Every structure is written in structure tokens, then in C-alpha cells.
C-alpha atoms as a PDB file:
ATOM      1  CA  UNK A   1     -37.349 -24.499 -37.989  1.00  0.00           C
ATOM      2  CA  UNK A   2     -37.368 -20.709 -38.167  1.00  0.00           C
ATOM      3  CA  UNK A   3     -36.700 -18.862 -41.413  1.00  0.00           C
ATOM      4  CA  UNK A   4     -33.060 -18.156 -42.250  1.00  0.00           C
ATOM      5  CA  UNK A   5     -32.113 -14.551 -42.971  1.00  0.00           C
ATOM      6  CA  UNK A   6     -28.737 -13.759 -44.484  1.00  0.00           C
ATOM      7  CA  UNK A   7     -26.981 -10.519 -45.520  1.00  0.00           C
ATOM      8  CA  UNK A   8     -25.924 -10.091 -49.126  1.00  0.00           C
ATOM      9  CA  UNK A   9     -22.253  -9.299 -48.442  1.00  0.00           C
ATOM     10  CA  UNK A  10     -20.746 -12.813 -48.409  1.00  0.00           C
ATOM     11  CA  UNK A  11     -18.897 -12.405 -51.721  1.00  0.00           C
ATOM     12  CA  UNK A  12     -16.995  -9.344 -50.515  1.00  0.00           C
ATOM     13  CA  UNK A  13     -16.042 -10.690 -47.086  1.00  0.00           C
ATOM     14  CA  UNK A  14     -12.383 -10.621 -46.120  1.00  0.00           C
ATOM     15  CA  UNK A  15     -12.718 -12.216 -42.727  1.00  0.00           C
ATOM     16  CA  UNK A  16     -14.952 -13.598 -40.019  1.00  0.00           C
ATOM     17  CA  UNK A  17     -14.874 -13.016 -36.273  1.00  0.00           C
ATOM     18  CA  UNK A  18     -16.522 -15.695 -34.169  1.00  0.00           C
ATOM     19  CA  UNK A  19     -17.897 -15.201 -30.700  1.00  0.00           C
ATOM     20  CA  UNK A  20     -17.066 -18.263 -28.620  1.00  0.00           C
ATOM     21  CA  UNK A  21     -19.390 -19.140 -25.731  1.00  0.00           C
ATOM     22  CA  UNK A  22     -22.863 -19.725 -27.166  1.00  0.00           C
ATOM     23  CA  UNK A  23     -21.512 -20.036 -30.718  1.00  0.00           C
ATOM     24  CA  UNK A  24     -18.697 -22.595 -30.512  1.00  0.00           C
ATOM     25  CA  UNK A  25     -19.701 -24.224 -27.248  1.00  0.00           C
ATOM     26  CA  UNK A  26     -22.193 -24.088 -24.397  1.00  0.00           C
ATOM     27  CA  UNK A  27     -21.171 -23.893 -20.752  1.00  0.00           C
ATOM     28  CA  UNK A  28     -21.662 -26.984 -18.639  1.00  0.00           C
ATOM     29  CA  UNK A  29     -19.858 -29.363 -16.343  1.00  0.00           C
ATOM     30  CA  UNK A  30     -16.095 -29.345 -16.805  1.00  0.00           C
ATOM     31  CA  UNK A  31     -15.161 -27.662 -20.078  1.00  0.00           C
ATOM     32  CA  UNK A  32     -18.728 -27.516 -21.362  1.00  0.00           C
ATOM     33  CA  UNK A  33     -19.846 -29.055 -24.653  1.00  0.00           C
ATOM     34  CA  UNK A  34     -19.213 -28.135 -28.284  1.00  0.00           C
ATOM     35  CA  UNK A  35     -22.349 -27.034 -30.162  1.00  0.00           C
ATOM     36  CA  UNK A  36     -23.062 -29.665 -32.845  1.00  0.00           C
ATOM     37  CA  UNK A  37     -21.368 -28.799 -36.135  1.00  0.00           C
ATOM     38  CA  UNK A  38     -19.229 -25.989 -34.734  1.00  0.00           C
ATOM     39  CA  UNK A  39     -15.914 -27.895 -34.731  1.00  0.00           C
ATOM     40  CA  UNK A  40     -16.335 -28.796 -38.393  1.00  0.00           C
ATOM     41  CA  UNK A  41     -17.514 -25.261 -39.171  1.00  0.00           C
ATOM     42  CA  UNK A  42     -14.269 -23.822 -37.780  1.00  0.00           C
ATOM     43  CA  UNK A  43     -12.308 -26.367 -39.820  1.00  0.00           C
ATOM     44  CA  UNK A  44     -14.105 -25.251 -42.999  1.00  0.00           C
ATOM     45  CA  UNK A  45     -13.373 -21.582 -42.335  1.00  0.00           C
ATOM     46  CA  UNK A  46      -9.686 -22.333 -41.746  1.00  0.00           C
ATOM     47  CA  UNK A  47      -9.553 -24.222 -45.029  1.00  0.00           C
ATOM     48  CA  UNK A  48     -10.992 -21.217 -46.890  1.00  0.00           C
ATOM     49  CA  UNK A  49      -9.250 -17.984 -47.919  1.00  0.00           C
ATOM     50  CA  UNK A  50     -11.022 -15.984 -45.210  1.00  0.00           C
ATOM     51  CA  UNK A  51      -9.210 -14.489 -42.251  1.00  0.00           C
ATOM     52  CA  UNK A  52     -10.532 -16.085 -39.074  1.00  0.00           C
ATOM     53  CA  UNK A  53     -10.263 -14.718 -35.565  1.00  0.00           C
ATOM     54  CA  UNK A  54     -12.068 -15.474 -32.320  1.00  0.00           C
ATOM     55  CA  UNK A  55     -13.470 -12.893 -29.936  1.00  0.00           C
ATOM     56  CA  UNK A  56     -14.466 -13.504 -26.350  1.00  0.00           C
ATOM     57  CA  UNK A  57     -15.561 -11.447 -23.394  1.00  0.00           C
ATOM     58  CA  UNK A  58     -13.969 -14.055 -21.118  1.00  0.00           C
ATOM     59  CA  UNK A  59     -12.467 -12.233 -18.175  1.00  0.00           C
ATOM     60  CA  UNK A  60     -12.248 -15.007 -15.611  1.00  0.00           C
ATOM     61  CA  UNK A  61      -9.302 -16.887 -17.129  1.00  0.00           C
ATOM     62  CA  UNK A  62      -6.115 -16.151 -19.037  1.00  0.00           C
ATOM     63  CA  UNK A  63      -6.129 -16.771 -22.780  1.00  0.00           C
ATOM     64  CA  UNK A  64      -3.783 -19.742 -22.363  1.00  0.00           C
ATOM     65  CA  UNK A  65      -6.199 -21.570 -20.072  1.00  0.00           C
ATOM     66  CA  UNK A  66      -9.260 -20.554 -22.068  1.00  0.00           C
ATOM     67  CA  UNK A  67      -7.781 -21.729 -25.380  1.00  0.00           C
ATOM     68  CA  UNK A  68      -6.608 -24.982 -23.771  1.00  0.00           C
ATOM     69  CA  UNK A  69     -10.226 -25.655 -22.787  1.00  0.00           C
ATOM     70  CA  UNK A  70     -11.407 -25.110 -26.355  1.00  0.00           C
ATOM     71  CA  UNK A  71      -8.669 -27.376 -27.672  1.00  0.00           C
ATOM     72  CA  UNK A  72      -9.793 -30.129 -25.299  1.00  0.00           C
ATOM     73  CA  UNK A  73     -13.278 -29.791 -26.770  1.00  0.00           C
ATOM     74  CA  UNK A  74     -11.786 -30.468 -30.213  1.00  0.00           C
ATOM     75  CA  UNK A  75     -11.356 -26.981 -31.724  1.00  0.00           C
ATOM     76  CA  UNK A  76      -8.308 -26.048 -33.788  1.00  0.00           C
ATOM     77  CA  UNK A  77      -7.596 -22.724 -32.066  1.00  0.00           C
ATOM     78  CA  UNK A  78      -4.358 -21.022 -31.025  1.00  0.00           C
ATOM     79  CA  UNK A  79      -3.826 -18.280 -28.459  1.00  0.00           C
ATOM     80  CA  UNK A  80      -2.707 -15.851 -31.176  1.00  0.00           C
ATOM     81  CA  UNK A  81      -6.105 -16.155 -32.902  1.00  0.00           C
ATOM     82  CA  UNK A  82      -8.095 -15.131 -29.828  1.00  0.00           C
ATOM     83  CA  UNK A  83      -8.889 -11.542 -28.880  1.00  0.00           C
ATOM     84  CA  UNK A  84      -9.979 -11.030 -25.293  1.00  0.00           C
ATOM     85  CA  UNK A  85     -10.387  -7.957 -23.075  1.00  0.00           C
ATOM     86  CA  UNK A  86      -7.421  -8.351 -20.718  1.00  0.00           C
ATOM     87  CA  UNK A  87      -4.551  -8.211 -23.273  1.00  0.00           C
ATOM     88  CA  UNK A  88      -6.223  -5.241 -24.935  1.00  0.00           C
ATOM     89  CA  UNK A  89      -6.448  -3.464 -21.581  1.00  0.00           C
ATOM     90  CA  UNK A  90      -2.777  -4.220 -20.850  1.00  0.00           C
ATOM     91  CA  UNK A  91      -1.752  -2.665 -24.156  1.00  0.00           C
ATOM     92  CA  UNK A  92      -3.691   0.525 -23.372  1.00  0.00           C
ATOM     93  CA  UNK A  93      -2.309   0.721 -19.832  1.00  0.00           C
ATOM     94  CA  UNK A  94       1.259   0.463 -21.088  1.00  0.00           C
ATOM     95  CA  UNK A  95       0.653   2.966 -23.873  1.00  0.00           C
ATOM     96  CA  UNK A  96      -0.728   5.542 -21.434  1.00  0.00           C
ATOM     97  CA  UNK A  97       1.691   4.797 -18.597  1.00  0.00           C
ATOM     98  CA  UNK A  98      -1.136   3.852 -16.250  1.00  0.00           C
ATOM     99  CA  UNK A  99      -0.851   1.780 -13.078  1.00  0.00           C
ATOM    100  CA  UNK A 100      -4.066  -0.131 -12.385  1.00  0.00           C
ATOM    101  CA  UNK A 101      -5.875  -1.159  -9.258  1.00  0.00           C
ATOM    102  CA  UNK A 102      -7.312  -4.501 -10.366  1.00  0.00           C
ATOM    103  CA  UNK A 103     -10.764  -5.796  -9.509  1.00  0.00           C
ATOM    104  CA  UNK A 104     -10.711  -8.978 -11.564  1.00  0.00           C
ATOM    105  CA  UNK A 105     -11.016 -12.730 -11.110  1.00  0.00           C
ATOM    106  CA  UNK A 106      -7.899 -14.295  -9.549  1.00  0.00           C
ATOM    107  CA  UNK A 107      -7.282 -16.532 -12.579  1.00  0.00           C
ATOM    108  CA  UNK A 108      -7.010 -13.424 -14.773  1.00  0.00           C
ATOM    109  CA  UNK A 109      -4.277 -11.752 -12.720  1.00  0.00           C
ATOM    110  CA  UNK A 110      -1.378 -13.349 -14.676  1.00  0.00           C
ATOM    111  CA  UNK A 111      -2.466 -11.373 -17.747  1.00  0.00           C
ATOM    112  CA  UNK A 112      -1.422  -8.208 -15.882  1.00  0.00           C
ATOM    113  CA  UNK A 113       1.982  -9.448 -14.630  1.00  0.00           C
ATOM    114  CA  UNK A 114       3.840  -7.128 -17.013  1.00  0.00           C
ATOM    115  CA  UNK A 115       2.037  -4.000 -15.766  1.00  0.00           C
ATOM    116  CA  UNK A 116       3.221  -1.772 -12.908  1.00  0.00           C
ATOM    117  CA  UNK A 117       0.506  -1.858 -10.247  1.00  0.00           C
ATOM    118  CA  UNK A 118       2.161   0.265  -7.551  1.00  0.00           C
ATOM    119  CA  UNK A 119       0.511   3.558  -6.521  1.00  0.00           C
ATOM    120  CA  UNK A 120      -2.540   3.023  -8.803  1.00  0.00           C
ATOM    121  CA  UNK A 121      -3.754   5.892 -10.985  1.00  0.00           C
ATOM    122  CA  UNK A 122      -6.689   4.025 -12.571  1.00  0.00           C
ATOM    123  CA  UNK A 123      -9.014   1.087 -11.938  1.00  0.00           C
ATOM    124  CA  UNK A 124      -9.592  -1.960 -14.125  1.00  0.00           C
ATOM    125  CA  UNK A 125     -12.639  -4.143 -13.484  1.00  0.00           C
ATOM    126  CA  UNK A 126     -13.575  -7.434 -15.093  1.00  0.00           C
ATOM    127  CA  UNK A 127     -15.961 -10.285 -14.367  1.00  0.00           C
ATOM    128  CA  UNK A 128     -14.804 -10.647 -10.777  1.00  0.00           C
ATOM    129  CA  UNK A 129     -17.742 -12.891  -9.802  1.00  0.00           C
ATOM    130  CA  UNK A 130     -17.791 -13.348  -6.011  1.00  0.00           C
ATOM    131  CA  UNK A 131     -14.995 -10.771  -5.664  1.00  0.00           C
ATOM    132  CA  UNK A 132     -17.573  -8.064  -6.369  1.00  0.00           C
ATOM    133  CA  UNK A 133     -18.007  -7.622  -2.619  1.00  0.00           C
ATOM    134  CA  UNK A 134     -18.712  -4.336  -0.883  1.00  0.00           C
ATOM    135  CA  UNK A 135     -15.161  -4.242   0.473  1.00  0.00           C
ATOM    136  CA  UNK A 136     -13.537  -4.744  -2.923  1.00  0.00           C
ATOM    137  CA  UNK A 137     -15.881  -2.334  -4.669  1.00  0.00           C
ATOM    138  CA  UNK A 138     -15.155   0.247  -1.982  1.00  0.00           C
ATOM    139  CA  UNK A 139     -11.397  -0.161  -2.469  1.00  0.00           C
ATOM    140  CA  UNK A 140     -11.815   0.550  -6.153  1.00  0.00           C
ATOM    141  CA  UNK A 141     -14.068   3.519  -5.351  1.00  0.00           C
ATOM    142  CA  UNK A 142     -11.468   4.977  -3.000  1.00  0.00           C
ATOM    143  CA  UNK A 143      -8.779   4.761  -5.660  1.00  0.00           C
ATOM    144  CA  UNK A 144     -10.993   6.576  -8.149  1.00  0.00           C
ATOM    145  CA  UNK A 145     -12.254   9.231  -5.745  1.00  0.00           C
ATOM    146  CA  UNK A 146      -8.683   9.999  -4.712  1.00  0.00           C
ATOM    147  CA  UNK A 147      -7.597  10.799  -8.277  1.00  0.00           C
ATOM    148  CA  UNK A 148      -7.774  14.293  -9.753  1.00  0.00           C
ATOM    149  CA  UNK A 149      -8.892  12.756 -13.049  1.00  0.00           C
ATOM    150  CA  UNK A 150     -10.476   9.355 -12.317  1.00  0.00           C
ATOM    151  CA  UNK A 151      -9.886   6.703 -14.999  1.00  0.00           C
ATOM    152  CA  UNK A 152     -11.963   3.515 -15.008  1.00  0.00           C
ATOM    153  CA  UNK A 153     -11.524   0.669 -17.495  1.00  0.00           C
ATOM    154  CA  UNK A 154     -14.137  -2.067 -17.808  1.00  0.00           C
ATOM    155  CA  UNK A 155     -13.259  -5.296 -19.616  1.00  0.00           C
ATOM    156  CA  UNK A 156     -16.714  -5.257 -21.189  1.00  0.00           C
ATOM    157  CA  UNK A 157     -20.244  -3.843 -21.120  1.00  0.00           C
ATOM    158  CA  UNK A 158     -22.516  -6.873 -21.494  1.00  0.00           C
ATOM    159  CA  UNK A 159     -25.378  -7.483 -19.092  1.00  0.00           C
ATOM    160  CA  UNK A 160     -25.221 -11.250 -18.617  1.00  0.00           C
ATOM    161  CA  UNK A 161     -23.742 -14.540 -19.752  1.00  0.00           C
ATOM    162  CA  UNK A 162     -24.930 -18.144 -19.712  1.00  0.00           C
ATOM    163  CA  UNK A 163     -23.672 -20.940 -17.484  1.00  0.00           C
ATOM    164  CA  UNK A 164     -25.009 -24.399 -16.653  1.00  0.00           C
ATOM    165  CA  UNK A 165     -27.167 -23.104 -13.818  1.00  0.00           C
ATOM    166  CA  UNK A 166     -28.602 -20.206 -15.838  1.00  0.00           C
ATOM    167  CA  UNK A 167     -27.879 -16.618 -16.793  1.00  0.00           C
ATOM    168  CA  UNK A 168     -25.461 -14.601 -14.674  1.00  0.00           C
ATOM    169  CA  UNK A 169     -24.557 -10.939 -14.465  1.00  0.00           C
ATOM    170  CA  UNK A 170     -21.558 -10.027 -16.631  1.00  0.00           C
ATOM    171  CA  UNK A 171     -19.276  -7.100 -17.489  1.00  0.00           C
ATOM    172  CA  UNK A 172     -19.466  -7.758 -21.225  1.00  0.00           C
ATOM    173  CA  UNK A 173     -17.366  -7.277 -24.307  1.00  0.00           C
ATOM    174  CA  UNK A 174     -15.895  -4.536 -26.516  1.00  0.00           C
ATOM    175  CA  UNK A 175     -14.592  -5.285 -29.975  1.00  0.00           C
ATOM    176  CA  UNK A 176     -13.648  -3.242 -33.055  1.00  0.00           C
ATOM    177  CA  UNK A 177     -12.694  -4.342 -36.551  1.00  0.00           C
ATOM    178  CA  UNK A 178     -13.042  -3.367 -40.229  1.00  0.00           C
ATOM    179  CA  UNK A 179     -14.326  -5.204 -43.281  1.00  0.00           C
ATOM    180  CA  UNK A 180     -15.374  -8.300 -41.387  1.00  0.00           C
ATOM    181  CA  UNK A 181     -18.551 -10.001 -40.268  1.00  0.00           C
ATOM    182  CA  UNK A 182     -19.339 -10.676 -36.625  1.00  0.00           C
ATOM    183  CA  UNK A 183     -21.215 -13.875 -35.752  1.00  0.00           C
ATOM    184  CA  UNK A 184     -22.561 -13.949 -32.209  1.00  0.00           C
ATOM    185  CA  UNK A 185     -25.415 -15.049 -29.989  1.00  0.00           C
ATOM    186  CA  UNK A 186     -25.934 -11.753 -28.118  1.00  0.00           C
ATOM    187  CA  UNK A 187     -28.087  -9.417 -30.229  1.00  0.00           C
ATOM    188  CA  UNK A 188     -27.190  -6.179 -28.437  1.00  0.00           C
ATOM    189  CA  UNK A 189     -23.523  -6.671 -27.579  1.00  0.00           C
ATOM    190  CA  UNK A 190     -22.294  -8.984 -30.380  1.00  0.00           C
ATOM    191  CA  UNK A 191     -24.489  -7.941 -33.306  1.00  0.00           C
ATOM    192  CA  UNK A 192     -25.254  -4.382 -32.234  1.00  0.00           C
ATOM    193  CA  UNK A 193     -21.654  -3.747 -31.209  1.00  0.00           C
ATOM    194  CA  UNK A 194     -20.391  -4.978 -34.571  1.00  0.00           C
ATOM    195  CA  UNK A 195     -22.873  -2.803 -36.450  1.00  0.00           C
ATOM    196  CA  UNK A 196     -21.743   0.276 -34.517  1.00  0.00           C
ATOM    197  CA  UNK A 197     -18.212  -0.455 -35.750  1.00  0.00           C
ATOM    198  CA  UNK A 198     -19.384  -0.612 -39.369  1.00  0.00           C
ATOM    199  CA  UNK A 199     -19.542  -4.394 -39.628  1.00  0.00           C
ATOM    200  CA  UNK A 200     -22.315  -6.788 -40.565  1.00  0.00           C
ATOM    201  CA  UNK A 201     -23.737  -8.639 -37.571  1.00  0.00           C
ATOM    202  CA  UNK A 202     -25.239 -12.120 -37.813  1.00  0.00           C
ATOM    203  CA  UNK A 203     -26.988 -13.778 -34.871  1.00  0.00           C
ATOM    204  CA  UNK A 204     -27.073 -17.528 -34.241  1.00  0.00           C
ATOM    205  CA  UNK A 205     -30.043 -19.196 -32.554  1.00  0.00           C
ATOM    206  CA  UNK A 206     -27.816 -20.800 -29.928  1.00  0.00           C
ATOM    207  CA  UNK A 207     -26.407 -19.591 -26.604  1.00  0.00           C
ATOM    208  CA  UNK A 208     -28.158 -16.438 -25.379  1.00  0.00           C
ATOM    209  CA  UNK A 209     -30.493 -16.134 -28.385  1.00  0.00           C
ATOM    210  CA  UNK A 210     -34.143 -15.559 -27.502  1.00  0.00           C
ATOM    211  CA  UNK A 211     -37.071 -15.447 -29.971  1.00  0.00           C
ATOM    212  CA  UNK A 212     -37.869 -11.958 -28.653  1.00  0.00           C
ATOM    213  CA  UNK A 213     -34.561 -10.749 -30.154  1.00  0.00           C
ATOM    214  CA  UNK A 214     -36.300 -10.604 -33.538  1.00  0.00           C
ATOM    215  CA  UNK A 215     -38.541  -7.829 -32.207  1.00  0.00           C
ATOM    216  CA  UNK A 216     -35.852  -5.763 -30.493  1.00  0.00           C
ATOM    217  CA  UNK A 217     -36.720  -2.053 -30.658  1.00  0.00           C
ATOM    218  CA  UNK A 218     -33.246  -0.791 -31.631  1.00  0.00           C
ATOM    219  CA  UNK A 219     -31.036  -3.640 -32.895  1.00  0.00           C
ATOM    220  CA  UNK A 220     -31.859  -5.638 -36.023  1.00  0.00           C
ATOM    221  CA  UNK A 221     -29.403  -8.338 -37.073  1.00  0.00           C
ATOM    222  CA  UNK A 222     -28.184  -8.308 -40.672  1.00  0.00           C
ATOM    223  CA  UNK A 223     -28.734 -12.037 -40.669  1.00  0.00           C
ATOM    224  CA  UNK A 224     -30.137 -14.785 -38.436  1.00  0.00           C
ATOM    225  CA  UNK A 225     -29.210 -18.469 -38.720  1.00  0.00           C
ATOM    226  CA  UNK A 226     -29.738 -21.635 -36.706  1.00  0.00           C
ATOM    227  CA  UNK A 227     -26.106 -22.138 -35.668  1.00  0.00           C
ATOM    228  CA  UNK A 228     -22.475 -21.534 -36.616  1.00  0.00           C
ATOM    229  CA  UNK A 229     -22.422 -24.509 -38.982  1.00  0.00           C
ATOM    230  CA  UNK A 230     -25.205 -23.002 -41.104  1.00  0.00           C
ATOM    231  CA  UNK A 231     -23.536 -19.577 -41.050  1.00  0.00           C
ATOM    232  CA  UNK A 232     -20.241 -20.963 -42.317  1.00  0.00           C
ATOM    233  CA  UNK A 233     -21.923 -22.994 -45.061  1.00  0.00           C
ATOM    234  CA  UNK A 234     -23.752 -19.869 -46.232  1.00  0.00           C
ATOM    235  CA  UNK A 235     -20.593 -17.752 -46.131  1.00  0.00           C
ATOM    236  CA  UNK A 236     -18.589 -20.220 -48.179  1.00  0.00           C
ATOM    237  CA  UNK A 237     -21.366 -21.020 -50.658  1.00  0.00           C
ATOM    238  CA  UNK A 238     -22.008 -17.314 -51.139  1.00  0.00           C
ATOM    239  CA  UNK A 239     -18.367 -16.753 -52.144  1.00  0.00           C
ATOM    240  CA  UNK A 240     -18.390 -19.378 -54.892  1.00  0.00           C
END
């Protein structure tokens, strides 16, 4: 077992944000499989005085369907506790009065039902998978090139994600918060992204973790643990 590294801020924590795929569960057939200890770890956090929220870069399904999958795996999670890219994008579009041309996965389209999509004046892209065809990319390009001030929103910036048949290209995740700790499996996007927002970033050795992450030239995790269960135990014991 590799050495455990842990930041010294546990006593002052106000909340925890958990990445989901690779931390709570691993992709696989059907709904995937819960990572051992993660269901109980979530239960422990909910029983504590810490604020708990979940963050995902999932942009192939609506939050309702995504949360339902996690509930079937045994997690006590509600839609209101989950932050995902699409609802955040919808809020920005409405605030700015923008009308998007959407290049997203079909199952994500319901998230944008409340947004005016006529005569687009911006483009929103997500993890469109097989919809990233030349024709669809060209449609999005034509919308942008026809605007005086092109506006492009991406539902993330990550390079890849993990599924049963291996790593796949991804659009990624963007997340911002204050006075919390981010626990994720992606060193650059989860941990590095959290650190850029002023948070502590802890990496778990599950999901996308690779031993080479410990020698990354620019991103150094504030802490590294075996899995979510160990992280939660260390958080709660550190607050006693």
C-alpha cells in the first residue's frame, strides 16, 4: 500500500465536494459498480456537521437520470445536492439573454428546455460522443463564424474519462467554491482546478489515478489517499 499524504486543514473544513465517477463508483455494465466503502463514506459525511455536495462533469444525461443511477447503486444522494455543467450553463444563458445552438448528447437536451434556442447567438458544446461528427461540428462553426462577437460555452475542459472499455475523450469539468476541500481522481482537472479556486485538493487512488500523477510537473495534490472511505475517515478524525 502506498503512503498516505493528508493536508493539515481538516479541523477548519466547512464542507466537502465529492467528484463522482472514479470516486463514488466505477463505470461498467449497466449502472456501474460502487467503489468499496464509498456508500458508507457518504453516509458518514452526511451524519457529520460538514456541508456535502457532489460535483460531476457528466454531460451525457440529465441530473435526474444520473442521480437515479447513483441511488440504484445504494447512495443517499438527491438532485439538489449535485452540481453539473448543464444547469450552470442554463443559468448563465438566461442571465445574459443568450440563445444557444446545442451540440450535446441527446439525453442532455431536456436540461435546456427552458432556454430559447431560436436564432442562436452562441454555441454550447458538451460530451456529445458520436454526435461530434464533421457535419455537427461544422454547423456549430457556422453559427460562431456568423456572429459579430462569437460566444462558445464548453461544459468542461477535461481530456478524458473512464468507461468499461477504457479511457475516452471528454470535454471535462469546471467547478468553483470557497472554503471547501475537493476530493477527486483527476489530478489536473479535479485537484488542480480546485487549487486554482483557492481550495485544498485531495486525490484518491481510484478511477483515473495513475502512479505517474505523483510526479506531475505542475500539479501537486495537497493530499493523496487510497479511496474515498479513507479520505472521509481522515476528515472526520481530524475534526475531533
